[in-house]
Amino acid sequence: MARSTRTAARLFGLLACGIVLAACATQPAAQPHVPGFAAGLFHGFIAIVALLGSLYFHIRIYAFPNSGFWYDAGFVLGFSLNIVLLLLLVLPRIGGFFTRGH
């Protein structure tokens, strides 16, 4: 029983250290003309192509610094739209739910 208590105490100590170090993190100051929602939407939509391009060229798939929440929301929406469109294009070719029963 004492061994599990020591292990739990060590785990709690590591967690506490991680939280304290995370509290020290800072964000850069807001800058004018940073990418916003529309840029995030575009970057999310082309993220897969940009990821492949980053294997050969110096390309980043995520703009930093950006406007924060709205850029992130646009990026997630654009990436989700990209995945949905890819699935809609690929599923009929592999016998997905569009071709069942025909």
Protein backbone atom coordinates (compact mmCIF):
# COMPACT_ATOMS: atom_id res chain seq x y z
CA MET A 1 0.00 0.00 0.00
CA ALA A 2 2.84 2.42 0.77
CA ARG A 3 4.38 1.82 -2.65
CA SER A 4 1.21 2.83 -4.50
CA THR A 5 0.94 5.94 -2.32
CA ARG A 6 4.50 6.94 -3.27
CA THR A 7 3.76 6.34 -6.93
CA ALA A 8 0.61 8.46 -6.72
CA ALA A 9 2.56 11.21 -4.94
CA ARG A 10 5.23 11.21 -7.68
CA LEU A 11 2.60 11.31 -10.38
CA PHE A 12 0.86 14.20 -8.64
CA GLY A 13 4.21 16.01 -8.30
CA LEU A 14 4.95 15.62 -12.02
CA LEU A 15 1.47 16.83 -12.89
CA ALA A 16 1.86 19.85 -10.59
CA CYS A 17 5.23 20.70 -12.18
CA GLY A 18 3.69 20.46 -15.64
CA ILE A 19 0.86 22.78 -14.66
CA VAL A 20 3.28 25.31 -13.14
CA LEU A 21 5.45 25.28 -16.27
CA ALA A 22 2.41 25.64 -18.53
CA ALA A 23 1.33 28.67 -16.50
CA CYS A 24 4.58 30.39 -17.49
CA ALA A 25 3.79 30.21 -21.22
CA THR A 26 3.12 33.50 -22.93
CA GLN A 27 1.48 34.46 -26.20
CA PRO A 28 2.94 37.01 -28.57
CA ALA A 29 1.38 40.45 -28.56
CA ALA A 30 -1.41 41.10 -31.05
CA GLN A 31 -0.13 42.37 -34.37
CA PRO A 32 -1.93 44.23 -37.15
CA HIS A 33 -2.76 42.43 -40.40
CA VAL A 34 -2.62 38.87 -39.08
CA PRO A 35 -4.57 36.08 -40.79
CA GLY A 36 -8.21 35.89 -39.71
CA PHE A 37 -11.23 33.67 -40.37
CA ALA A 38 -11.08 33.72 -44.18
CA ALA A 39 -7.37 32.88 -44.24
CA GLY A 40 -7.96 30.10 -41.71
CA LEU A 41 -10.75 28.71 -43.87
CA PHE A 42 -8.47 28.69 -46.91
CA HIS A 43 -5.50 27.24 -45.00
CA GLY A 44 -7.69 24.49 -43.57
CA PHE A 45 -9.08 23.66 -47.00
CA ILE A 46 -5.60 23.27 -48.52
CA ALA A 47 -4.01 21.70 -45.42
CA ILE A 48 -3.55 18.24 -46.95
CA VAL A 49 -1.91 19.64 -50.08
CA ALA A 50 0.25 21.94 -47.95
CA LEU A 51 1.27 18.99 -45.75
CA LEU A 52 2.43 17.06 -48.81
CA GLY A 53 4.23 20.16 -50.12
CA SER A 54 5.98 20.65 -46.78
CA LEU A 55 7.79 17.36 -47.34
CA TYR A 56 9.71 18.95 -50.23
CA PHE A 57 9.53 22.72 -49.69
CA HIS A 58 9.57 25.12 -46.75
CA ILE A 59 5.77 25.41 -46.37
CA ARG A 60 3.80 25.78 -43.16
CA ILE A 61 0.23 24.53 -43.02
CA TYR A 62 -0.78 26.79 -40.12
CA ALA A 63 -0.20 30.54 -40.00
CA PHE A 64 1.45 31.87 -36.87
CA PRO A 65 0.89 34.44 -35.46
CA ASN A 66 -2.78 34.58 -36.31
CA SER A 67 -5.92 36.25 -34.96
CA GLY A 68 -6.64 33.47 -32.47
CA PHE A 69 -10.05 31.87 -32.11
CA TRP A 70 -11.47 33.02 -35.44
CA TYR A 71 -8.46 31.78 -37.40
CA ASP A 72 -8.69 28.44 -35.58
CA ALA A 73 -12.44 28.22 -36.25
CA GLY A 74 -11.89 28.91 -39.96
CA PHE A 75 -9.05 26.38 -40.12
CA VAL A 76 -11.14 23.63 -38.51
CA LEU A 77 -14.14 24.44 -40.72
CA GLY A 78 -12.00 24.46 -43.87
CA PHE A 79 -10.28 21.20 -42.95
CA SER A 80 -13.62 19.57 -42.13
CA LEU A 81 -15.06 20.74 -45.44
CA ASN A 82 -12.03 19.31 -47.22
CA ILE A 83 -12.47 15.90 -45.57
CA VAL A 84 -16.21 15.81 -46.29
CA LEU A 85 -15.64 16.64 -49.96
CA LEU A 86 -12.91 14.01 -50.24
CA LEU A 87 -15.21 11.39 -48.71
CA LEU A 88 -18.05 12.34 -51.05
CA LEU A 89 -15.71 11.94 -54.01
CA VAL A 90 -14.07 8.69 -52.88
CA LEU A 91 -16.96 6.72 -51.35
CA PRO A 92 -18.84 6.05 -54.61
CA ARG A 93 -15.64 4.70 -56.18
CA ILE A 94 -15.01 2.22 -53.35
CA GLY A 95 -18.62 1.05 -53.03
CA GLY A 96 -19.75 3.32 -50.22
CA PHE A 97 -23.24 4.08 -49.06
CA PHE A 98 -24.15 5.86 -52.35
CA THR A 99 -23.90 2.70 -54.43
CA ARG A 100 -25.45 0.13 -52.08
CA GLY A 101 -28.62 -1.52 -53.30
CA HIS A 102 -28.03 -0.70 -56.98
